[in-house]
N, C-alpha and C. Protein backbone atom coordinates (compact mmCIF):
# COMPACT_ATOMS: atom_id res chain seq x y z
N LYS A 1 131.19 196.19 1.62
CA LYS A 1 130.32 197.31 1.97
C LYS A 1 128.88 196.92 1.67
N ARG A 2 128.02 197.10 2.67
CA ARG A 2 126.62 196.74 2.48
C ARG A 2 125.91 197.80 1.67
N GLN A 3 125.02 197.36 0.83
CA GLN A 3 124.26 198.28 0.00
C GLN A 3 123.16 198.94 0.85
N GLY A 4 122.96 200.22 0.65
CA GLY A 4 121.91 200.94 1.36
C GLY A 4 122.36 201.55 2.68
N VAL A 5 123.62 201.41 3.04
CA VAL A 5 124.12 201.96 4.29
C VAL A 5 125.00 203.16 3.96
N LEU A 6 124.72 204.27 4.61
CA LEU A 6 125.52 205.48 4.39
C LEU A 6 126.85 205.38 5.12
N SER A 7 127.90 205.76 4.44
CA SER A 7 129.19 205.83 5.11
C SER A 7 129.25 207.15 5.87
N GLY A 8 130.20 207.25 6.78
CA GLY A 8 130.37 208.49 7.53
C GLY A 8 130.65 209.67 6.63
N ARG A 9 131.44 209.43 5.59
CA ARG A 9 131.78 210.49 4.65
C ARG A 9 130.55 210.96 3.86
N SER A 10 129.69 210.02 3.47
CA SER A 10 128.46 210.38 2.74
C SER A 10 127.53 211.20 3.62
N PHE A 11 127.38 210.77 4.88
CA PHE A 11 126.52 211.48 5.81
C PHE A 11 127.05 212.90 6.04
N TYR A 12 128.34 213.01 6.20
CA TYR A 12 129.02 214.29 6.38
C TYR A 12 128.74 215.20 5.18
N SER A 13 128.84 214.65 4.00
CA SER A 13 128.60 215.40 2.77
C SER A 13 127.14 215.84 2.66
N ILE A 14 126.22 214.95 3.04
CA ILE A 14 124.78 215.29 2.99
C ILE A 14 124.48 216.44 3.94
N LEU A 15 125.01 216.39 5.17
CA LEU A 15 124.79 217.47 6.13
C LEU A 15 125.40 218.78 5.63
N ASP A 16 126.57 218.69 5.04
CA ASP A 16 127.23 219.89 4.53
C ASP A 16 126.42 220.54 3.41
N ARG A 17 125.95 219.75 2.49
CA ARG A 17 125.13 220.30 1.38
C ARG A 17 123.76 220.78 1.88
N SER A 18 123.21 220.06 2.86
CA SER A 18 121.93 220.47 3.43
C SER A 18 122.02 221.84 4.09
N ALA A 19 123.16 222.13 4.69
CA ALA A 19 123.35 223.43 5.33
C ALA A 19 123.27 224.55 4.29
N TRP A 20 123.92 224.35 3.13
CA TRP A 20 123.85 225.38 2.09
C TRP A 20 122.43 225.52 1.54
N LEU A 21 121.76 224.40 1.31
CA LEU A 21 120.39 224.45 0.81
C LEU A 21 119.48 225.15 1.81
N PHE A 22 119.62 224.81 3.08
CA PHE A 22 118.82 225.45 4.12
C PHE A 22 119.08 226.96 4.14
N LEU A 23 120.34 227.36 4.09
CA LEU A 23 120.67 228.79 4.13
C LEU A 23 120.05 229.54 2.95
N LEU A 24 120.05 228.93 1.77
CA LEU A 24 119.40 229.55 0.62
C LEU A 24 117.90 229.70 0.85
N CYS A 25 117.28 228.63 1.37
CA CYS A 25 115.82 228.67 1.62
C CYS A 25 115.46 229.66 2.72
N TYR A 26 116.39 229.97 3.59
CA TYR A 26 116.11 230.89 4.69
C TYR A 26 116.39 232.33 4.29
N TYR A 27 117.52 232.57 3.64
CA TYR A 27 117.94 233.95 3.40
C TYR A 27 117.34 234.58 2.15
N ILE A 28 117.00 233.81 1.13
CA ILE A 28 116.39 234.40 -0.07
C ILE A 28 115.08 235.10 0.27
N PRO A 29 114.14 234.45 0.99
CA PRO A 29 112.93 235.18 1.38
C PRO A 29 113.22 236.38 2.29
N LEU A 30 114.22 236.25 3.16
CA LEU A 30 114.58 237.36 4.05
C LEU A 30 115.06 238.55 3.24
N ILE A 31 115.92 238.31 2.27
CA ILE A 31 116.44 239.38 1.42
C ILE A 31 115.32 240.01 0.60
N LEU A 32 114.39 239.19 0.13
CA LEU A 32 113.27 239.70 -0.67
C LEU A 32 112.18 240.35 0.19
N GLY A 33 112.31 240.24 1.50
CA GLY A 33 111.34 240.87 2.41
C GLY A 33 110.02 240.13 2.50
N ILE A 34 110.06 238.84 2.24
CA ILE A 34 108.84 238.03 2.34
C ILE A 34 109.09 236.90 3.34
N GLY A 35 108.05 236.23 3.75
CA GLY A 35 108.21 235.13 4.69
C GLY A 35 107.31 235.32 5.89
N ARG A 36 107.45 234.43 6.84
CA ARG A 36 106.58 234.41 8.02
C ARG A 36 107.33 234.82 9.27
N ARG A 37 106.58 235.40 10.19
CA ARG A 37 107.10 235.71 11.52
C ARG A 37 106.74 234.58 12.46
N VAL A 38 107.54 234.41 13.50
CA VAL A 38 107.30 233.34 14.45
C VAL A 38 106.19 233.71 15.42
N TYR A 39 106.27 234.92 15.96
CA TYR A 39 105.31 235.36 16.98
C TYR A 39 104.64 236.65 16.54
N ILE A 40 103.50 236.93 17.14
CA ILE A 40 102.79 238.18 16.88
C ILE A 40 103.66 239.32 17.39
N GLY A 41 103.64 240.42 16.69
CA GLY A 41 104.43 241.57 17.11
C GLY A 41 105.74 241.66 16.35
N ASP A 42 105.78 241.04 15.17
CA ASP A 42 106.97 241.12 14.32
C ASP A 42 108.21 240.54 15.00
N ILE A 43 108.03 239.45 15.73
CA ILE A 43 109.13 238.83 16.47
C ILE A 43 109.48 237.50 15.82
N GLY A 44 110.75 237.29 15.61
CA GLY A 44 111.24 236.05 15.03
C GLY A 44 110.93 235.96 13.54
N TYR A 45 111.78 235.25 12.81
CA TYR A 45 111.59 235.09 11.38
C TYR A 45 111.85 233.65 11.01
N LYS A 46 110.93 233.06 10.22
CA LYS A 46 111.10 231.66 9.83
C LYS A 46 110.97 231.42 8.33
N ALA A 47 111.14 232.46 7.53
CA ALA A 47 111.07 232.34 6.06
C ALA A 47 109.73 231.72 5.66
N PHE A 48 109.76 230.69 4.81
CA PHE A 48 108.52 230.03 4.40
C PHE A 48 108.26 228.75 5.18
N PHE A 49 109.11 228.47 6.16
CA PHE A 49 108.91 227.29 6.97
C PHE A 49 107.71 227.52 7.89
N LEU A 50 106.93 226.48 8.13
CA LEU A 50 105.70 226.64 8.90
C LEU A 50 105.89 226.40 10.39
N ALA A 51 106.72 225.47 10.78
CA ALA A 51 106.83 225.07 12.18
C ALA A 51 108.16 225.52 12.77
N GLN A 52 108.10 226.47 13.69
CA GLN A 52 109.34 227.01 14.25
C GLN A 52 110.09 226.02 15.12
N ASN A 53 109.42 225.09 15.78
CA ASN A 53 110.13 224.11 16.59
C ASN A 53 110.99 223.18 15.72
N GLU A 54 110.42 222.71 14.62
CA GLU A 54 111.17 221.86 13.72
C GLU A 54 112.29 222.64 13.04
N LEU A 55 112.00 223.88 12.69
CA LEU A 55 113.03 224.75 12.11
C LEU A 55 114.16 224.97 13.10
N GLY A 56 113.80 225.17 14.36
CA GLY A 56 114.81 225.32 15.40
C GLY A 56 115.69 224.08 15.52
N LEU A 57 115.08 222.91 15.41
CA LEU A 57 115.83 221.66 15.47
C LEU A 57 116.81 221.55 14.30
N ILE A 58 116.36 221.93 13.12
CA ILE A 58 117.24 221.92 11.95
C ILE A 58 118.42 222.86 12.18
N ILE A 59 118.14 224.03 12.69
CA ILE A 59 119.21 225.00 12.96
C ILE A 59 120.17 224.44 14.01
N VAL A 60 119.65 223.80 15.06
CA VAL A 60 120.49 223.22 16.10
C VAL A 60 121.42 222.17 15.49
N VAL A 61 120.86 221.23 14.74
CA VAL A 61 121.66 220.14 14.17
C VAL A 61 122.73 220.70 13.22
N LEU A 62 122.33 221.58 12.33
CA LEU A 62 123.29 222.11 11.36
C LEU A 62 124.35 222.99 12.02
N THR A 63 123.97 223.74 13.04
CA THR A 63 124.93 224.60 13.73
C THR A 63 125.94 223.75 14.50
N PHE A 64 125.48 222.72 15.20
CA PHE A 64 126.42 221.86 15.92
C PHE A 64 127.30 221.07 14.95
N PHE A 65 126.75 220.64 13.83
CA PHE A 65 127.56 219.98 12.81
C PHE A 65 128.65 220.91 12.30
N GLN A 66 128.28 222.15 12.03
CA GLN A 66 129.24 223.12 11.53
C GLN A 66 130.29 223.43 12.59
N SER A 67 129.89 223.48 13.85
CA SER A 67 130.83 223.70 14.95
C SER A 67 131.84 222.55 15.01
N TYR A 68 131.34 221.33 14.87
CA TYR A 68 132.22 220.16 14.84
C TYR A 68 133.18 220.23 13.66
N LYS A 69 132.66 220.59 12.51
CA LYS A 69 133.48 220.67 11.31
C LYS A 69 134.59 221.72 11.47
N LEU A 70 134.24 222.84 12.07
CA LEU A 70 135.23 223.90 12.29
C LEU A 70 136.25 223.53 13.36
N SER A 71 135.86 222.66 14.29
CA SER A 71 136.82 222.26 15.33
C SER A 71 137.94 221.41 14.74
N ASN A 72 137.68 220.76 13.61
CA ASN A 72 138.71 219.95 12.96
C ASN A 72 139.62 220.77 12.08
N HIS A 73 139.05 221.75 11.38
CA HIS A 73 139.85 222.58 10.48
C HIS A 73 139.06 223.84 10.14
N ILE A 74 139.67 224.98 10.32
CA ILE A 74 138.98 226.24 10.05
C ILE A 74 139.20 226.63 8.59
N LYS A 75 138.09 226.71 7.86
CA LYS A 75 138.11 227.22 6.49
C LYS A 75 137.18 228.42 6.44
N ALA A 76 137.53 229.40 5.63
CA ALA A 76 136.76 230.65 5.58
C ALA A 76 135.30 230.39 5.20
N LEU A 77 135.07 229.53 4.21
CA LEU A 77 133.71 229.27 3.75
C LEU A 77 132.88 228.57 4.85
N ASP A 78 133.51 227.66 5.58
CA ASP A 78 132.81 226.99 6.69
C ASP A 78 132.52 227.96 7.83
N LEU A 79 133.42 228.91 8.05
CA LEU A 79 133.20 229.92 9.07
C LEU A 79 132.03 230.83 8.71
N VAL A 80 131.92 231.17 7.43
CA VAL A 80 130.79 231.97 6.95
C VAL A 80 129.49 231.19 7.13
N LYS A 81 129.52 229.91 6.78
CA LYS A 81 128.32 229.07 6.93
C LYS A 81 127.91 228.98 8.40
N PHE A 82 128.89 228.81 9.29
CA PHE A 82 128.62 228.75 10.72
C PHE A 82 127.98 230.05 11.21
N ALA A 83 128.53 231.17 10.79
CA ALA A 83 128.01 232.49 11.19
C ALA A 83 126.58 232.68 10.68
N LEU A 84 126.32 232.28 9.43
CA LEU A 84 124.98 232.42 8.86
C LEU A 84 123.97 231.52 9.58
N LEU A 85 124.39 230.32 9.94
CA LEU A 85 123.50 229.42 10.69
C LEU A 85 123.20 229.98 12.08
N MET A 86 124.21 230.54 12.71
CA MET A 86 123.98 231.14 14.03
C MET A 86 123.05 232.34 13.92
N LEU A 87 123.20 233.11 12.86
CA LEU A 87 122.30 234.25 12.64
C LEU A 87 120.87 233.76 12.41
N CYS A 88 120.71 232.62 11.75
CA CYS A 88 119.37 232.03 11.60
C CYS A 88 118.76 231.76 12.97
N GLY A 89 119.55 231.20 13.88
CA GLY A 89 119.06 230.92 15.22
C GLY A 89 118.67 232.19 15.96
N ILE A 90 119.45 233.24 15.77
CA ILE A 90 119.15 234.52 16.42
C ILE A 90 117.89 235.12 15.81
N LEU A 91 117.77 235.06 14.49
CA LEU A 91 116.59 235.62 13.83
C LEU A 91 115.32 234.83 14.13
N LEU A 92 115.46 233.51 14.31
CA LEU A 92 114.30 232.69 14.66
C LEU A 92 113.75 233.11 16.02
N ASN A 93 114.64 233.45 16.92
CA ASN A 93 114.27 234.06 18.19
C ASN A 93 113.41 233.16 19.08
N THR A 94 113.83 231.90 19.20
CA THR A 94 113.20 231.00 20.15
C THR A 94 114.22 230.63 21.21
N LYS A 95 113.76 230.18 22.37
CA LYS A 95 114.67 229.83 23.47
C LYS A 95 115.68 228.78 23.01
N THR A 96 115.19 227.73 22.38
CA THR A 96 116.05 226.63 21.98
C THR A 96 117.10 227.07 20.98
N ALA A 97 116.70 227.83 19.98
CA ALA A 97 117.64 228.26 18.95
C ALA A 97 118.71 229.19 19.53
N LEU A 98 118.32 230.13 20.37
CA LEU A 98 119.29 231.05 20.96
C LEU A 98 120.28 230.32 21.87
N ILE A 99 119.77 229.44 22.71
CA ILE A 99 120.66 228.71 23.63
C ILE A 99 121.59 227.78 22.86
N SER A 100 121.07 227.10 21.84
CA SER A 100 121.92 226.18 21.09
C SER A 100 122.99 226.92 20.29
N CYS A 101 122.67 228.09 19.78
CA CYS A 101 123.69 228.87 19.06
C CYS A 101 124.81 229.28 20.00
N LEU A 102 124.44 229.69 21.20
CA LEU A 102 125.44 230.05 22.20
C LEU A 102 126.31 228.85 22.56
N LEU A 103 125.67 227.68 22.77
CA LEU A 103 126.43 226.47 23.09
C LEU A 103 127.34 226.03 21.94
N ALA A 104 126.84 226.09 20.71
CA ALA A 104 127.65 225.70 19.55
C ALA A 104 128.86 226.62 19.42
N ALA A 105 128.67 227.91 19.63
CA ALA A 105 129.79 228.85 19.55
C ALA A 105 130.80 228.55 20.65
N ALA A 106 130.31 228.26 21.86
CA ALA A 106 131.21 227.96 22.97
C ALA A 106 131.98 226.66 22.72
N LEU A 107 131.28 225.64 22.23
CA LEU A 107 131.94 224.36 21.95
C LEU A 107 133.00 224.49 20.87
N TRP A 108 132.79 225.41 19.95
CA TRP A 108 133.78 225.64 18.91
C TRP A 108 134.93 226.50 19.42
N ALA A 109 134.63 227.57 20.14
CA ALA A 109 135.64 228.56 20.49
C ALA A 109 136.53 228.14 21.67
N PHE A 110 135.96 227.58 22.72
CA PHE A 110 136.76 227.31 23.92
C PHE A 110 137.94 226.37 23.67
N PRO A 111 137.76 225.23 23.02
CA PRO A 111 138.93 224.38 22.77
C PRO A 111 139.99 225.08 21.91
N LEU A 112 139.54 225.87 20.96
CA LEU A 112 140.51 226.58 20.12
C LEU A 112 141.27 227.63 20.92
N ILE A 113 140.57 228.32 21.78
CA ILE A 113 141.23 229.35 22.59
C ILE A 113 142.21 228.71 23.57
N ILE A 114 141.88 227.56 24.10
CA ILE A 114 142.74 226.92 25.10
C ILE A 114 143.92 226.20 24.46
N HIS A 115 143.68 225.44 23.38
CA HIS A 115 144.71 224.54 22.86
C HIS A 115 145.39 225.01 21.57
N ALA A 116 144.90 226.00 20.93
CA ALA A 116 145.43 226.38 19.62
C ALA A 116 146.69 227.24 19.75
N LYS A 117 147.32 227.44 18.61
CA LYS A 117 148.48 228.33 18.54
C LYS A 117 148.00 229.77 18.72
N TRP A 118 148.92 230.66 19.06
CA TRP A 118 148.56 232.05 19.32
C TRP A 118 147.87 232.71 18.14
N ARG A 119 148.30 232.40 16.95
CA ARG A 119 147.70 233.00 15.75
C ARG A 119 146.22 232.62 15.63
N THR A 120 145.93 231.35 15.86
CA THR A 120 144.54 230.87 15.81
C THR A 120 143.73 231.47 16.95
N LYS A 121 144.32 231.57 18.13
CA LYS A 121 143.62 232.16 19.27
C LYS A 121 143.22 233.60 18.97
N ILE A 122 144.14 234.35 18.41
CA ILE A 122 143.85 235.75 18.07
C ILE A 122 142.77 235.82 17.00
N LEU A 123 142.83 234.94 16.00
CA LEU A 123 141.82 234.89 14.95
C LEU A 123 140.44 234.59 15.53
N VAL A 124 140.35 233.57 16.38
CA VAL A 124 139.07 233.18 16.96
C VAL A 124 138.52 234.29 17.84
N LEU A 125 139.36 234.85 18.70
CA LEU A 125 138.90 235.95 19.55
C LEU A 125 138.49 237.16 18.72
N GLY A 126 139.22 237.43 17.65
CA GLY A 126 138.86 238.53 16.75
C GLY A 126 137.51 238.30 16.09
N ILE A 127 137.27 237.08 15.64
CA ILE A 127 135.99 236.74 15.03
C ILE A 127 134.86 236.93 16.04
N ILE A 128 135.07 236.47 17.26
CA ILE A 128 134.04 236.61 18.30
C ILE A 128 133.77 238.08 18.60
N VAL A 129 134.81 238.87 18.76
CA VAL A 129 134.65 240.29 19.08
C VAL A 129 133.95 241.02 17.94
N VAL A 130 134.37 240.79 16.70
CA VAL A 130 133.74 241.44 15.54
C VAL A 130 132.29 240.98 15.42
N GLY A 131 132.03 239.69 15.60
CA GLY A 131 130.66 239.18 15.54
C GLY A 131 129.77 239.80 16.59
N ILE A 132 130.28 239.91 17.81
CA ILE A 132 129.50 240.54 18.88
C ILE A 132 129.24 242.00 18.54
N PHE A 133 130.25 242.69 18.05
CA PHE A 133 130.09 244.11 17.72
C PHE A 133 129.06 244.31 16.61
N LEU A 134 129.15 243.50 15.55
CA LEU A 134 128.24 243.65 14.42
C LEU A 134 126.81 243.25 14.75
N LEU A 135 126.66 242.26 15.60
CA LEU A 135 125.32 241.73 15.88
C LEU A 135 124.79 242.12 17.25
N ARG A 136 125.44 243.03 17.95
CA ARG A 136 125.05 243.33 19.33
C ARG A 136 123.60 243.78 19.45
N LYS A 137 123.13 244.64 18.55
CA LYS A 137 121.75 245.11 18.64
C LYS A 137 120.76 243.98 18.36
N THR A 138 121.06 243.18 17.35
CA THR A 138 120.18 242.07 17.00
C THR A 138 120.13 241.04 18.12
N VAL A 139 121.30 240.69 18.65
CA VAL A 139 121.36 239.68 19.71
C VAL A 139 120.68 240.20 20.98
N VAL A 140 121.00 241.42 21.38
CA VAL A 140 120.40 241.98 22.59
C VAL A 140 118.89 242.07 22.43
N SER A 141 118.44 242.53 21.27
CA SER A 141 117.00 242.63 21.01
C SER A 141 116.34 241.26 21.06
N SER A 142 116.96 240.25 20.45
CA SER A 142 116.40 238.91 20.46
C SER A 142 116.31 238.35 21.87
N VAL A 143 117.38 238.50 22.63
CA VAL A 143 117.38 237.99 24.00
C VAL A 143 116.34 238.73 24.84
N GLN A 144 116.24 240.05 24.68
CA GLN A 144 115.24 240.80 25.42
C GLN A 144 113.82 240.34 25.08
N ARG A 145 113.56 240.10 23.82
CA ARG A 145 112.23 239.64 23.41
C ARG A 145 111.89 238.28 23.98
N VAL A 146 112.88 237.38 24.02
CA VAL A 146 112.65 236.06 24.61
C VAL A 146 112.35 236.21 26.10
N ILE A 147 113.11 237.06 26.78
CA ILE A 147 112.89 237.27 28.22
C ILE A 147 111.51 237.86 28.47
N VAL A 148 111.11 238.84 27.67
CA VAL A 148 109.79 239.46 27.84
C VAL A 148 108.69 238.42 27.60
N ARG A 149 108.80 237.65 26.50
CA ARG A 149 107.81 236.61 26.23
C ARG A 149 107.76 235.60 27.35
N PHE A 150 108.92 235.20 27.83
CA PHE A 150 109.01 234.22 28.91
C PHE A 150 108.34 234.75 30.17
N SER A 151 108.62 235.99 30.52
CA SER A 151 108.03 236.54 31.75
C SER A 151 106.52 236.72 31.61
N ILE A 152 106.06 237.15 30.44
CA ILE A 152 104.61 237.28 30.21
C ILE A 152 103.93 235.93 30.30
N LEU A 153 104.52 234.93 29.65
CA LEU A 153 103.92 233.59 29.68
C LEU A 153 103.88 233.02 31.08
N THR A 154 104.99 233.17 31.81
CA THR A 154 105.01 232.56 33.14
C THR A 154 104.08 233.26 34.12
N THR A 155 103.94 234.58 34.01
CA THR A 155 103.07 235.27 34.97
C THR A 155 101.61 235.25 34.56
N ARG A 156 101.32 235.46 33.30
CA ARG A 156 99.93 235.57 32.87
C ARG A 156 99.26 234.21 32.68
N TYR A 157 99.95 233.29 32.05
CA TYR A 157 99.30 232.05 31.66
C TYR A 157 99.64 230.85 32.54
N TYR A 158 100.79 230.85 33.15
CA TYR A 158 101.23 229.65 33.85
C TYR A 158 101.36 229.86 35.36
N GLY A 159 100.80 230.93 35.88
CA GLY A 159 100.78 231.14 37.32
C GLY A 159 102.16 231.20 37.95
N ASP A 160 103.06 231.91 37.34
CA ASP A 160 104.43 232.08 37.84
C ASP A 160 105.22 230.77 37.94
N SER A 161 104.85 229.79 37.17
CA SER A 161 105.57 228.52 37.17
C SER A 161 106.75 228.61 36.20
N MET A 162 107.96 228.61 36.75
CA MET A 162 109.16 228.66 35.92
C MET A 162 109.25 227.43 35.03
N PHE A 163 108.89 226.28 35.58
CA PHE A 163 108.91 225.02 34.83
C PHE A 163 107.98 225.09 33.62
N ALA A 164 106.78 225.60 33.83
CA ALA A 164 105.82 225.73 32.73
C ALA A 164 106.31 226.75 31.71
N GLY A 165 106.97 227.80 32.18
CA GLY A 165 107.51 228.80 31.26
C GLY A 165 108.61 228.23 30.38
N VAL A 166 109.49 227.43 30.97
CA VAL A 166 110.56 226.81 30.19
C VAL A 166 109.99 225.87 29.15
N LEU A 167 108.95 225.14 29.51
CA LEU A 167 108.33 224.19 28.59
C LEU A 167 107.22 224.83 27.74
N SER A 168 107.05 226.13 27.85
CA SER A 168 106.02 226.87 27.11
C SER A 168 104.63 226.30 27.35
N GLY A 169 104.38 225.82 28.54
CA GLY A 169 103.06 225.31 28.91
C GLY A 169 102.76 223.91 28.41
N ARG A 170 103.71 223.26 27.76
CA ARG A 170 103.45 221.93 27.23
C ARG A 170 103.23 220.89 28.34
N ASN A 171 103.77 221.16 29.51
CA ASN A 171 103.57 220.21 30.61
C ASN A 171 102.09 220.07 30.96
N TYR A 172 101.30 221.14 30.79
CA TYR A 172 99.87 221.05 31.06
C TYR A 172 99.16 220.14 30.07
N PHE A 173 99.61 220.18 28.81
CA PHE A 173 99.02 219.31 27.80
C PHE A 173 99.31 217.85 28.11
N VAL A 174 100.53 217.58 28.55
CA VAL A 174 100.92 216.21 28.88
C VAL A 174 100.10 215.71 30.07
N LEU A 175 99.95 216.55 31.08
CA LEU A 175 99.17 216.15 32.26
C LEU A 175 97.71 215.88 31.88
N LYS A 176 97.14 216.75 31.06
CA LYS A 176 95.75 216.57 30.64
C LYS A 176 95.61 215.30 29.79
N ALA A 177 96.54 215.09 28.87
CA ALA A 177 96.50 213.89 28.02
C ALA A 177 96.64 212.63 28.87
N ALA A 178 97.52 212.66 29.87
CA ALA A 178 97.69 211.51 30.75
C ALA A 178 96.41 211.23 31.53
N HIS A 179 95.76 212.29 31.99
CA HIS A 179 94.49 212.13 32.71
C HIS A 179 93.43 211.54 31.79
N GLU A 180 93.35 212.03 30.56
CA GLU A 180 92.36 211.52 29.60
C GLU A 180 92.61 210.05 29.29
N LEU A 181 93.87 209.69 29.10
CA LEU A 181 94.19 208.30 28.81
C LEU A 181 93.87 207.40 29.99
N LYS A 182 94.15 207.89 31.17
CA LYS A 182 93.90 207.10 32.38
C LYS A 182 92.40 206.88 32.59
N SER A 183 91.60 207.90 32.30
CA SER A 183 90.15 207.78 32.53
C SER A 183 89.43 207.15 31.34
N SER A 184 90.10 206.94 30.26
CA SER A 184 89.48 206.38 29.07
C SER A 184 89.24 204.88 29.24
N ASN A 185 88.17 204.41 28.63
CA ASN A 185 87.86 202.98 28.67
C ASN A 185 88.63 202.20 27.61
N THR A 186 89.28 202.90 26.72
CA THR A 186 89.98 202.22 25.64
C THR A 186 91.33 201.68 26.07
N LEU A 187 91.83 202.14 27.18
CA LEU A 187 93.12 201.67 27.65
C LEU A 187 92.99 200.33 28.35
N ILE A 188 93.96 199.52 28.17
CA ILE A 188 94.01 198.26 28.92
C ILE A 188 94.52 198.58 30.30
N LYS A 189 93.76 198.19 31.31
CA LYS A 189 94.14 198.53 32.68
C LYS A 189 94.65 197.35 33.42
């Protein structure tokens, strides 16, 4: 075994512990009623984290890891962790976090519903139904807010460009930067 190389088991353990640490860092400020909002208008919550895109990436990675872990063996504690991570994505209220939470849930649930024993199928469907029932207002509100922000951005700022709306206008920055680099004398031509 080479020194300095992580084994698969070590990496798995690091991700698992990181998920618990992340959940503590996210939910303690939420419970205490402190932290930052993502957007103006009391939309989205990011605890004390400063950058919502990076936070969204962390949520995506940890949620998909947890989905993978649950696909191998369902444990109650892992299911709770998965649900809390998905709730983080819903509370963050960004396009990427919401879509990835939906995909992670689908990747976890569909194989179980199709290939599992009836008892597991009923358990998974029950969890999904109870989760939808408990979080319906939060999820619907989050999705509505994303749609409203998306439509405002695409019509007001991006000239009805669906592409610019999906990229949150970042495509304009790339085009401008490319133009600046092309016209710059510092580039080797």
